[in-house]
Amino acid sequence: MKTDKDFDAVKMMREIRDKHHKEYSKNPQLREERLAAIRKKYAAKIKNQETANN
């Protein structure tokens, strides 16, 4: 399938997914480390939102 789009979001997401799959296949602990960092980063934001909504 050939497209002439300037920006193909689906293709970009597939490439990102494939890249992450390769990284995590080589190092499964990396996924857990990244998820923990994301949870830590956004936990404070979510907590602040819940406080503001109450």
N, C-alpha and C. Protein backbone atom coordinates (compact mmCIF):
# COMPACT_ATOMS: atom_id res chain seq x y z
N MET A 1 0.85 -1.18 0.00
CA MET A 1 0.00 0.00 0.00
C MET A 1 0.89 1.24 0.00
N LYS A 2 0.68 2.10 -0.95
CA LYS A 2 1.50 3.30 -1.10
C LYS A 2 0.63 4.52 -0.83
N THR A 3 1.12 5.42 0.00
CA THR A 3 0.39 6.66 0.26
C THR A 3 1.29 7.84 -0.07
N ASP A 4 0.67 8.93 -0.43
CA ASP A 4 1.40 10.16 -0.75
C ASP A 4 1.17 11.22 0.31
N LYS A 5 0.95 10.80 1.54
CA LYS A 5 0.68 11.75 2.61
C LYS A 5 1.98 12.42 3.05
N ASP A 6 1.85 13.69 3.48
CA ASP A 6 3.01 14.38 4.04
C ASP A 6 3.34 13.81 5.41
N PHE A 7 2.29 13.46 6.15
CA PHE A 7 2.47 12.94 7.51
C PHE A 7 1.55 11.75 7.69
N ASP A 8 2.11 10.59 7.97
CA ASP A 8 1.33 9.37 8.14
C ASP A 8 1.42 8.94 9.61
N ALA A 9 0.40 9.30 10.39
CA ALA A 9 0.40 9.03 11.82
C ALA A 9 0.39 7.53 12.12
N VAL A 10 -0.34 6.76 11.34
CA VAL A 10 -0.41 5.32 11.57
C VAL A 10 0.96 4.68 11.38
N LYS A 11 1.65 5.08 10.33
CA LYS A 11 2.99 4.55 10.07
C LYS A 11 3.94 4.92 11.21
N MET A 12 3.85 6.17 11.67
CA MET A 12 4.71 6.62 12.74
C MET A 12 4.46 5.81 14.02
N MET A 13 3.20 5.58 14.36
CA MET A 13 2.87 4.81 15.55
C MET A 13 3.34 3.36 15.44
N ARG A 14 3.23 2.78 14.27
CA ARG A 14 3.73 1.42 14.06
C ARG A 14 5.24 1.35 14.27
N GLU A 15 5.95 2.35 13.75
CA GLU A 15 7.40 2.38 13.91
C GLU A 15 7.79 2.51 15.38
N ILE A 16 7.08 3.37 16.11
CA ILE A 16 7.35 3.55 17.54
C ILE A 16 7.07 2.25 18.29
N ARG A 17 5.93 1.62 17.98
CA ARG A 17 5.56 0.37 18.64
C ARG A 17 6.61 -0.71 18.38
N ASP A 18 7.05 -0.82 17.14
CA ASP A 18 8.06 -1.82 16.79
C ASP A 18 9.39 -1.55 17.49
N LYS A 19 9.77 -0.28 17.55
CA LYS A 19 11.02 0.09 18.22
C LYS A 19 10.96 -0.28 19.70
N HIS A 20 9.84 0.06 20.36
CA HIS A 20 9.70 -0.27 21.77
C HIS A 20 9.66 -1.77 21.99
N HIS A 21 9.01 -2.49 21.10
CA HIS A 21 8.95 -3.95 21.23
C HIS A 21 10.36 -4.55 21.19
N LYS A 22 11.18 -4.06 20.28
CA LYS A 22 12.56 -4.56 20.19
C LYS A 22 13.36 -4.23 21.45
N GLU A 23 13.19 -3.00 21.96
CA GLU A 23 13.91 -2.59 23.16
C GLU A 23 13.50 -3.45 24.35
N TYR A 24 12.19 -3.67 24.51
CA TYR A 24 11.69 -4.40 25.66
C TYR A 24 11.95 -5.89 25.54
N SER A 25 12.08 -6.40 24.32
CA SER A 25 12.42 -7.81 24.14
C SER A 25 13.85 -8.07 24.61
N LYS A 26 14.73 -7.11 24.35
CA LYS A 26 16.12 -7.24 24.76
C LYS A 26 16.29 -7.01 26.26
N ASN A 27 15.48 -6.11 26.82
CA ASN A 27 15.62 -5.73 28.23
C ASN A 27 14.23 -5.54 28.84
N PRO A 28 13.59 -6.61 29.34
CA PRO A 28 12.24 -6.51 29.89
C PRO A 28 12.14 -5.57 31.09
N GLN A 29 13.21 -5.43 31.85
CA GLN A 29 13.18 -4.55 33.01
C GLN A 29 13.04 -3.08 32.61
N LEU A 30 13.49 -2.75 31.43
CA LEU A 30 13.40 -1.37 30.94
C LEU A 30 11.96 -0.89 30.90
N ARG A 31 11.05 -1.76 30.49
CA ARG A 31 9.62 -1.40 30.42
C ARG A 31 9.10 -1.03 31.81
N GLU A 32 9.43 -1.85 32.79
CA GLU A 32 8.98 -1.59 34.16
C GLU A 32 9.55 -0.28 34.69
N GLU A 33 10.82 -0.02 34.38
CA GLU A 33 11.45 1.22 34.84
C GLU A 33 10.77 2.43 34.22
N ARG A 34 10.49 2.36 32.93
CA ARG A 34 9.84 3.48 32.26
C ARG A 34 8.42 3.70 32.76
N LEU A 35 7.69 2.61 32.97
CA LEU A 35 6.33 2.74 33.49
C LEU A 35 6.33 3.32 34.90
N ALA A 36 7.27 2.92 35.72
CA ALA A 36 7.37 3.46 37.08
C ALA A 36 7.66 4.96 37.04
N ALA A 37 8.51 5.38 36.14
CA ALA A 37 8.83 6.81 36.01
C ALA A 37 7.60 7.60 35.56
N ILE A 38 6.84 7.04 34.64
CA ILE A 38 5.63 7.71 34.16
C ILE A 38 4.61 7.81 35.28
N ARG A 39 4.43 6.72 36.03
CA ARG A 39 3.47 6.73 37.15
C ARG A 39 3.87 7.79 38.17
N LYS A 40 5.15 7.87 38.48
CA LYS A 40 5.63 8.85 39.45
C LYS A 40 5.39 10.27 38.94
N LYS A 41 5.66 10.49 37.66
CA LYS A 41 5.51 11.82 37.07
C LYS A 41 4.07 12.29 37.11
N TYR A 42 3.14 11.40 36.77
CA TYR A 42 1.75 11.81 36.64
C TYR A 42 0.93 11.62 37.90
N ALA A 43 1.44 10.92 38.90
CA ALA A 43 0.69 10.69 40.13
C ALA A 43 0.38 12.01 40.82
N ALA A 44 1.33 12.91 40.86
CA ALA A 44 1.11 14.20 41.51
C ALA A 44 0.08 15.02 40.75
N LYS A 45 0.11 14.98 39.43
CA LYS A 45 -0.85 15.73 38.63
C LYS A 45 -2.26 15.20 38.83
N ILE A 46 -2.40 13.89 38.87
CA ILE A 46 -3.71 13.28 39.07
C ILE A 46 -4.23 13.60 40.47
N LYS A 47 -3.35 13.53 41.45
CA LYS A 47 -3.75 13.84 42.82
C LYS A 47 -4.21 15.29 42.93
N ASN A 48 -3.50 16.20 42.28
CA ASN A 48 -3.89 17.61 42.30
C ASN A 48 -5.22 17.83 41.61
N GLN A 49 -5.49 17.13 40.54
CA GLN A 49 -6.77 17.25 39.85
C GLN A 49 -7.91 16.77 40.74
N GLU A 50 -7.72 15.65 41.42
CA GLU A 50 -8.76 15.12 42.30
C GLU A 50 -9.03 16.09 43.44
N THR A 51 -8.01 16.71 43.98
CA THR A 51 -8.17 17.67 45.06
C THR A 51 -8.92 18.90 44.56
N ALA A 52 -8.62 19.36 43.37
CA ALA A 52 -9.27 20.54 42.80
C ALA A 52 -10.73 20.27 42.48
N ASN A 53 -11.05 19.06 42.11
CA ASN A 53 -12.43 18.72 41.75
C ASN A 53 -13.32 18.52 42.96
N ASN A 54 -12.75 18.30 44.13
CA ASN A 54 -13.57 18.07 45.34
C ASN A 54 -13.92 19.34 46.00
